[in-house]
Amino acid sequence: MARRSGGGRQAPAPERPAPKRPRRSGARRVFWGFYKFVVVLSALIVGGYVGITLWVRPPAQTQVTPPSQTGQSQQGTGTGTGTEEDENALIRRDYVYNILLAATDKEGYRTDTMMVLNYDVPNQKIGVISVPRDTLVHRESGNPKLVYGSGGVEQRVEDISNLLGVPIDYYVKVDINGFIALVDYLNGVDFYVPCDMNYDDPIQGLSIHYKEGMQHLTGQQAMEVCRFRKNNPDQNGHSTGYSDVGRTQTQQNMLKALAKKVISWDSLTKVNGFVKIFNDYVDTDLALNDMLYFASKAISLDPEGVEMFTLEGDGEATYRGVRYCYALDPQSTLDAVNRLINPYQRDLTLEELDILQP
């Protein structure tokens, strides 16, 4: 607007013919069109973020008391139901969640990879405990190994909750094909293969051949490395490799490598692909609101700060005639639970876990 001076109005300037605006080249039109798109998109993102922070609320915490804790104060939603006089009450810490991460085998119905992830939102800490698939669990009948039995992932949630004496609030189960699709969508992953791998199993359709060292793996290759446990026997019948515990540690390291790559990816154009993979291959009881809450809180997490531990034990145990069961070491398990996934205000005791010894 023209500025007024001395209270009088300036005389209008004589009209001049409007100068001709130079025509933009095709490249410049594309640039300005893209620029406007980015500005609008940025405004939508900011507005959406503000809306999410106002709308998204913390998920509920499980209130079910595991059978091993019957007779004690019931778990609450953060503040608990114990009284100040009851020093042994199990009172949950606010905004501390346990989530079961599970992956199925090739057939798609056995959850042969199981990890309990604890997310302490206020302190931005994550602890992960891997539970070997052949771990002994209390059952009235049938195969006593954790991976077997009816009930699907929901039954595994109950089994592990009773075993470790902690509530599990939610689960996320991914199909093995979803794992392959995710790695391929990330254009592969750089990963240190922990040993020479030479294993063929025509029944499972596996042909695993890799040299120890850093390698760039496709989705199929990453799946094969994660499934490897031992090499084919040599002429003397000896086989090298590692146990199920070693395989679990490889899976943990792979999970860290993928998490680092996902978090470091800042391309908004990839979001739709992640959503499609999630819809096609992931089964979870987390609501959309819950996922948005965790995503908004975890965006600044450092994957290197995640502490992981595989439960220790004896993989040669026999129970009720079933061989090669994995019997957990009670004290080591208790220490790991209290250090990494205990959501309560006090430490648990061995009596509050349900560790089966053959």
Protein backbone atom coordinates (compact mmCIF):
# COMPACT_ATOMS: atom_id res chain seq x y z
CA MET A 1 0.00 0.00 0.00
CA ALA A 2 1.30 3.54 -0.85
CA ARG A 3 2.33 5.52 2.23
CA ARG A 4 0.47 8.81 2.93
CA SER A 5 2.42 12.02 3.69
CA GLY A 6 1.32 15.26 5.41
CA GLY A 7 -2.32 14.25 5.60
CA GLY A 8 -2.87 14.91 1.87
CA ARG A 9 -3.54 12.33 -0.76
CA GLN A 10 -0.95 11.78 -3.45
CA ALA A 11 -2.00 12.41 -7.01
CA PRO A 12 -2.46 9.25 -8.97
CA ALA A 13 0.50 8.37 -11.14
CA PRO A 14 -0.09 8.37 -14.87
CA GLU A 15 -1.04 4.99 -16.18
CA ARG A 16 1.63 3.08 -17.98
CA PRO A 17 1.18 0.02 -20.08
CA ALA A 18 1.86 -3.14 -18.02
CA PRO A 19 5.20 -4.68 -18.93
CA LYS A 20 5.01 -8.03 -20.61
CA ARG A 21 5.87 -10.84 -18.20
CA PRO A 22 8.55 -13.05 -19.66
CA ARG A 23 7.30 -16.58 -20.30
CA ARG A 24 8.81 -19.21 -18.01
CA SER A 25 10.60 -22.08 -19.57
CA GLY A 26 9.25 -25.58 -19.11
CA ALA A 27 11.98 -26.36 -16.56
CA ARG A 28 11.12 -23.25 -14.50
CA ARG A 29 7.40 -24.06 -14.58
CA VAL A 30 8.17 -27.56 -13.27
CA PHE A 31 10.40 -26.10 -10.52
CA TRP A 32 7.81 -23.58 -9.32
CA GLY A 33 5.06 -26.17 -9.48
CA PHE A 34 7.17 -28.52 -7.37
CA TYR A 35 8.05 -25.68 -4.98
CA LYS A 36 4.36 -24.88 -4.42
CA PHE A 37 3.66 -28.57 -3.87
CA VAL A 38 6.40 -28.80 -1.22
CA VAL A 39 5.09 -25.68 0.56
CA VAL A 40 1.55 -27.05 0.65
CA LEU A 41 2.77 -30.49 1.72
CA SER A 42 4.87 -28.97 4.50
CA ALA A 43 1.86 -27.05 5.78
CA LEU A 44 -0.20 -30.25 5.77
CA ILE A 45 2.52 -32.14 7.63
CA VAL A 46 2.81 -29.42 10.29
CA GLY A 47 -0.96 -29.24 10.64
CA GLY A 48 -1.21 -33.02 10.76
CA TYR A 49 1.49 -33.27 13.40
CA VAL A 50 -0.24 -30.69 15.57
CA GLY A 51 -3.51 -32.55 15.10
CA ILE A 52 -1.90 -35.88 16.00
CA THR A 53 -0.30 -34.51 19.17
CA LEU A 54 -3.68 -33.18 20.27
CA TRP A 55 -5.70 -36.24 19.26
CA VAL A 56 -3.43 -39.21 20.00
CA ARG A 57 -3.61 -40.51 23.55
CA PRO A 58 -1.39 -43.06 25.34
CA PRO A 59 -2.55 -46.67 24.80
CA ALA A 60 -4.10 -48.63 27.66
CA GLN A 61 -1.95 -50.94 29.76
CA THR A 62 -2.88 -54.57 30.41
CA GLN A 63 -4.71 -55.17 33.67
CA VAL A 64 -4.68 -58.98 33.68
CA THR A 65 -2.90 -60.62 36.61
CA PRO A 66 -0.75 -63.60 35.51
CA PRO A 67 -1.71 -66.86 37.29
CA SER A 68 1.67 -67.00 39.04
CA GLN A 69 0.73 -63.80 40.87
CA THR A 70 -2.72 -64.90 42.06
CA GLY A 71 -3.58 -63.50 45.47
CA GLN A 72 -1.49 -60.37 45.09
CA SER A 73 -2.74 -56.92 44.22
CA GLN A 74 -4.01 -56.72 40.67
CA GLN A 75 -2.01 -54.79 38.12
CA GLY A 76 -3.32 -51.33 37.40
CA THR A 77 -3.26 -48.93 34.52
CA GLY A 78 -0.17 -47.01 35.58
CA THR A 79 -1.10 -46.15 39.16
CA GLY A 80 -2.00 -49.72 40.14
CA THR A 81 -4.43 -50.91 42.78
CA GLY A 82 -2.03 -51.60 45.63
CA THR A 83 -2.09 -49.55 48.81
CA GLU A 84 0.77 -47.69 50.45
CA GLU A 85 0.74 -50.28 53.26
CA ASP A 86 1.25 -53.13 50.81
CA GLU A 87 4.94 -52.93 49.98
CA ASN A 88 4.74 -56.01 47.75
CA ALA A 89 1.97 -54.66 45.52
CA LEU A 90 2.73 -54.84 41.82
CA ILE A 91 2.19 -51.27 40.65
CA ARG A 92 2.82 -50.45 37.02
CA ARG A 93 4.93 -47.50 35.99
CA ASP A 94 3.11 -44.98 33.84
CA TYR A 95 3.59 -45.21 30.06
CA VAL A 96 5.82 -48.30 30.17
CA TYR A 97 4.64 -50.95 27.70
CA ASN A 98 5.50 -54.54 26.75
CA ILE A 99 4.92 -55.62 23.15
CA LEU A 100 5.47 -59.11 21.74
CA LEU A 101 7.26 -59.05 18.38
CA ALA A 102 6.73 -62.34 16.55
CA ALA A 103 7.66 -63.68 13.13
CA THR A 104 6.18 -66.79 11.56
CA ASP A 105 8.00 -69.65 9.85
CA LYS A 106 7.72 -70.42 6.15
CA GLU A 107 4.36 -72.15 6.62
CA GLY A 108 3.02 -68.99 8.28
CA TYR A 109 1.40 -70.45 11.39
CA ARG A 110 4.26 -71.14 13.85
CA THR A 111 5.74 -68.08 15.56
CA ASP A 112 9.34 -69.29 15.67
CA THR A 113 10.85 -65.86 16.46
CA MET A 114 9.57 -64.19 19.62
CA MET A 115 10.87 -61.06 21.33
CA VAL A 116 9.38 -59.03 24.18
CA LEU A 117 10.01 -55.33 23.60
CA ASN A 118 9.70 -52.96 26.55
CA TYR A 119 9.21 -49.28 25.71
CA ASP A 120 9.71 -46.83 28.58
CA VAL A 121 8.23 -43.74 26.95
CA PRO A 122 9.14 -41.09 29.59
CA ASN A 123 12.80 -42.20 29.68
CA GLN A 124 12.97 -43.08 25.97
CA LYS A 125 14.47 -46.49 26.72
CA ILE A 126 13.90 -49.76 24.90
CA GLY A 127 14.84 -53.21 26.16
CA VAL A 128 14.32 -56.42 24.20
CA ILE A 129 14.38 -60.02 25.42
CA SER A 130 14.42 -62.87 22.89
CA VAL A 131 12.68 -66.05 24.00
CA PRO A 132 14.01 -69.16 22.18
CA ARG A 133 11.30 -71.02 20.31
CA ASP A 134 11.90 -74.34 22.10
CA THR A 135 11.62 -72.84 25.60
CA LEU A 136 9.79 -75.06 28.09
CA VAL A 137 6.38 -73.75 29.17
CA HIS A 138 3.80 -75.19 31.54
CA ARG A 139 1.12 -77.13 29.68
CA GLU A 140 -1.24 -79.82 30.89
CA SER A 141 -0.66 -81.87 27.75
CA GLY A 142 0.87 -81.74 24.31
CA ASN A 143 4.26 -80.47 23.19
CA PRO A 144 5.85 -78.39 25.99
CA LYS A 145 7.90 -76.23 23.61
CA LEU A 146 6.77 -72.62 23.32
CA VAL A 147 6.57 -72.58 19.52
CA TYR A 148 4.09 -75.46 19.34
CA GLY A 149 0.48 -75.69 20.37
CA SER A 150 -2.85 -74.23 19.30
CA GLY A 151 -4.05 -70.71 19.92
CA GLY A 152 -1.80 -68.76 17.58
CA VAL A 153 0.01 -65.62 18.62
CA GLU A 154 -2.58 -64.86 21.31
CA GLN A 155 -1.65 -68.10 23.09
CA ARG A 156 2.06 -67.23 22.79
CA VAL A 157 1.28 -63.91 24.47
CA GLU A 158 -0.33 -65.74 27.40
CA ASP A 159 2.46 -68.35 27.58
CA ILE A 160 5.26 -65.77 27.69
CA SER A 161 3.39 -63.52 30.10
CA ASN A 162 3.01 -66.42 32.55
CA LEU A 163 6.57 -67.61 31.98
CA LEU A 164 8.24 -64.25 32.66
CA GLY A 165 5.74 -62.85 35.15
CA VAL A 166 5.10 -59.63 33.22
CA PRO A 167 2.05 -58.33 31.35
CA ILE A 168 2.21 -58.10 27.55
CA ASP A 169 0.06 -55.23 26.37
CA TYR A 170 0.11 -55.77 22.60
CA TYR A 171 1.55 -57.98 19.89
CA VAL A 172 2.89 -57.44 16.38
CA LYS A 173 3.24 -60.54 14.18
CA VAL A 174 4.90 -60.34 10.77
CA ASP A 175 4.80 -62.95 8.03
CA ILE A 176 8.22 -64.07 6.77
CA ASN A 177 7.28 -62.79 3.31
CA GLY A 178 6.65 -59.39 4.87
CA PHE A 179 10.22 -59.39 6.19
CA ILE A 180 11.51 -60.11 2.67
CA ALA A 181 9.29 -57.39 1.18
CA LEU A 182 10.46 -54.82 3.74
CA VAL A 183 14.17 -55.45 3.12
CA ASP A 184 13.66 -55.27 -0.64
CA TYR A 185 11.66 -52.06 -0.26
CA LEU A 186 14.61 -50.59 1.67
CA ASN A 187 16.84 -51.54 -1.30
CA GLY A 188 18.57 -54.20 0.78
CA VAL A 189 20.55 -54.00 4.00
CA ASP A 190 24.28 -53.93 4.81
CA PHE A 191 24.94 -56.67 7.36
CA TYR A 192 27.92 -58.49 8.85
CA VAL A 193 27.42 -62.22 8.29
CA PRO A 194 28.77 -63.77 11.52
CA CYS A 195 30.29 -66.94 10.02
CA ASP A 196 30.65 -68.97 6.83
CA MET A 197 27.25 -70.45 6.00
CA ASN A 198 26.77 -73.58 3.89
CA TYR A 199 23.44 -75.26 4.41
CA ASP A 200 21.02 -76.97 2.04
CA ASP A 201 17.59 -78.28 2.96
CA PRO A 202 15.44 -79.22 -0.05
CA ILE A 203 12.47 -79.96 2.21
CA GLN A 204 12.34 -76.34 3.42
CA GLY A 205 13.62 -75.00 0.10
CA LEU A 206 16.72 -73.52 1.73
CA SER A 207 20.09 -73.09 0.02
CA ILE A 208 22.19 -70.86 2.26
CA HIS A 209 25.75 -70.06 1.12
CA TYR A 210 27.51 -66.94 2.44
CA LYS A 211 31.01 -65.96 3.51
CA GLU A 212 31.69 -64.31 6.85
CA GLY A 213 31.96 -60.54 6.58
CA MET A 214 30.03 -57.41 5.64
CA GLN A 215 27.64 -57.99 2.76
CA HIS A 216 24.77 -56.21 1.06
CA LEU A 217 21.76 -58.51 1.33
CA THR A 218 18.46 -58.62 -0.53
CA GLY A 219 15.27 -59.56 1.27
CA GLN A 220 15.60 -63.26 0.40
CA GLN A 221 19.25 -63.30 1.42
CA ALA A 222 18.55 -61.52 4.70
CA MET A 223 15.85 -64.09 5.48
CA GLU A 224 18.27 -66.95 4.77
CA VAL A 225 20.96 -65.46 7.02
CA CYS A 226 18.39 -65.04 9.81
CA ARG A 227 17.21 -68.64 9.47
CA PHE A 228 20.71 -70.19 9.40
CA ARG A 229 21.69 -72.25 12.44
CA LYS A 230 24.29 -74.81 11.35
CA ASN A 231 26.21 -76.02 8.31
CA ASN A 232 25.70 -79.36 6.60
CA PRO A 233 27.80 -82.11 8.24
CA ASP A 234 31.27 -82.78 6.83
CA GLN A 235 32.60 -86.18 5.87
CA ASN A 236 33.13 -87.04 9.52
CA GLY A 237 29.61 -86.06 10.47
CA HIS A 238 30.70 -82.86 12.23
CA SER A 239 28.66 -79.72 11.76
CA THR A 240 29.73 -76.14 12.48
CA GLY A 241 27.61 -73.07 13.03
CA TYR A 242 25.75 -71.97 16.12
CA SER A 243 22.76 -72.82 18.29
CA ASP A 244 19.25 -71.39 18.32
CA VAL A 245 20.61 -68.77 20.72
CA GLY A 246 23.21 -67.74 18.14
CA ARG A 247 20.51 -67.54 15.49
CA THR A 248 18.45 -65.33 17.78
CA GLN A 249 21.40 -62.99 18.26
CA THR A 250 21.79 -62.75 14.47
CA GLN A 251 18.10 -61.88 14.21
CA GLN A 252 18.53 -59.19 16.86
CA ASN A 253 21.44 -57.64 14.97
CA MET A 254 19.45 -57.74 11.74
CA LEU A 255 16.56 -55.99 13.48
CA LYS A 256 18.91 -53.23 14.62
CA ALA A 257 20.34 -52.80 11.12
CA LEU A 258 16.86 -52.51 9.60
CA ALA A 259 15.68 -50.08 12.30
CA LYS A 260 18.63 -47.80 11.62
CA LYS A 261 17.87 -47.77 7.92
CA VAL A 262 14.15 -47.12 8.38
CA ILE A 263 14.76 -44.23 10.81
CA SER A 264 17.46 -42.70 8.59
CA TRP A 265 15.16 -42.72 5.57
CA ASP A 266 13.56 -39.30 5.24
CA SER A 267 11.75 -39.78 1.93
CA LEU A 268 8.06 -39.02 2.29
CA THR A 269 7.38 -40.80 -0.97
CA LYS A 270 8.16 -44.13 0.75
CA VAL A 271 5.36 -43.86 3.30
CA ASN A 272 2.69 -45.46 1.09
CA GLY A 273 4.95 -48.45 0.51
CA PHE A 274 5.44 -49.00 4.23
CA VAL A 275 1.69 -48.80 4.76
CA LYS A 276 1.04 -51.38 2.03
CA ILE A 277 3.62 -53.81 3.44
CA PHE A 278 2.12 -53.36 6.89
CA ASN A 279 -1.42 -54.02 5.65
CA ASP A 280 -0.38 -57.06 3.60
CA TYR A 281 1.90 -58.87 6.04
CA VAL A 282 1.42 -57.63 9.62
CA ASP A 283 -1.12 -58.81 12.19
CA THR A 284 -1.46 -56.73 15.37
CA ASP A 285 -3.93 -55.82 18.08
CA LEU A 286 -2.62 -52.24 18.17
CA ALA A 287 -5.23 -49.72 17.08
CA LEU A 288 -4.31 -46.95 14.64
CA ASN A 289 -4.36 -44.43 17.47
CA ASP A 290 -1.93 -46.62 19.46
CA MET A 291 0.48 -46.92 16.53
CA LEU A 292 0.42 -43.17 15.94
CA TYR A 293 1.23 -42.59 19.61
CA PHE A 294 4.24 -44.92 19.59
CA ALA A 295 5.45 -43.58 16.24
CA SER A 296 5.29 -39.97 17.43
CA LYS A 297 7.25 -40.84 20.59
CA ALA A 298 9.83 -43.16 19.01
CA ILE A 299 10.82 -40.94 16.10
CA SER A 300 13.87 -39.61 17.99
CA LEU A 301 15.03 -42.97 19.38
CA ASP A 302 18.61 -44.09 18.74
CA PRO A 303 18.65 -47.76 17.64
CA GLU A 304 22.19 -48.08 19.01
CA GLY A 305 20.80 -47.43 22.50
CA VAL A 306 18.47 -50.44 22.36
CA GLU A 307 19.64 -53.21 24.72
CA MET A 308 18.89 -56.77 23.62
CA PHE A 309 19.34 -60.07 25.44
CA THR A 310 18.65 -63.71 24.60
CA LEU A 311 17.44 -65.78 27.52
CA GLU A 312 20.08 -68.27 28.62
CA GLY A 313 19.46 -71.93 29.30
CA ASP A 314 20.03 -75.56 28.36
CA GLY A 315 18.89 -76.55 24.88
CA GLU A 316 19.53 -80.27 25.46
CA ALA A 317 16.83 -80.80 28.10
CA THR A 318 14.26 -83.60 27.88
CA TYR A 319 10.78 -83.22 29.36
CA ARG A 320 7.92 -85.75 29.26
CA GLY A 321 9.81 -87.67 26.59
CA VAL A 322 10.27 -84.59 24.35
CA ARG A 323 13.95 -83.99 23.52
CA TYR A 324 15.88 -80.80 22.83
CA CYS A 325 13.72 -78.59 24.97
CA TYR A 326 15.20 -75.27 26.10
CA ALA A 327 15.17 -75.04 29.89
CA LEU A 328 15.71 -71.45 31.02
CA ASP A 329 18.33 -70.59 33.62
CA PRO A 330 16.13 -69.17 36.44
CA GLN A 331 18.50 -66.58 37.93
CA SER A 332 19.77 -65.30 34.59
CA THR A 333 16.18 -65.02 33.34
CA LEU A 334 15.07 -63.12 36.44
CA ASP A 335 17.98 -60.67 36.15
CA ALA A 336 17.21 -60.03 32.47
CA VAL A 337 13.49 -59.53 33.11
CA ASN A 338 14.10 -57.00 35.88
CA ARG A 339 16.74 -55.15 33.88
CA LEU A 340 14.99 -54.98 30.50
CA ILE A 341 11.22 -55.63 30.50
CA ASN A 342 9.88 -55.21 34.05
CA PRO A 343 7.11 -52.57 33.91
CA TYR A 344 6.59 -52.48 37.68
CA GLN A 345 7.87 -50.13 40.35
CA ARG A 346 9.68 -52.95 42.15
CA ASP A 347 11.75 -55.94 41.06
CA LEU A 348 10.09 -59.29 40.52
CA THR A 349 11.14 -62.41 42.43
CA LEU A 350 11.69 -65.95 41.18
CA GLU A 351 8.43 -67.01 42.78
CA GLU A 352 6.57 -64.58 40.52
CA LEU A 353 7.97 -66.18 37.34
CA ASP A 354 6.82 -69.56 36.06
CA ILE A 355 10.07 -71.14 34.88
CA LEU A 356 9.71 -74.86 34.28
CA GLN A 357 12.66 -77.09 35.19
CA PRO A 358 12.78 -80.65 33.79
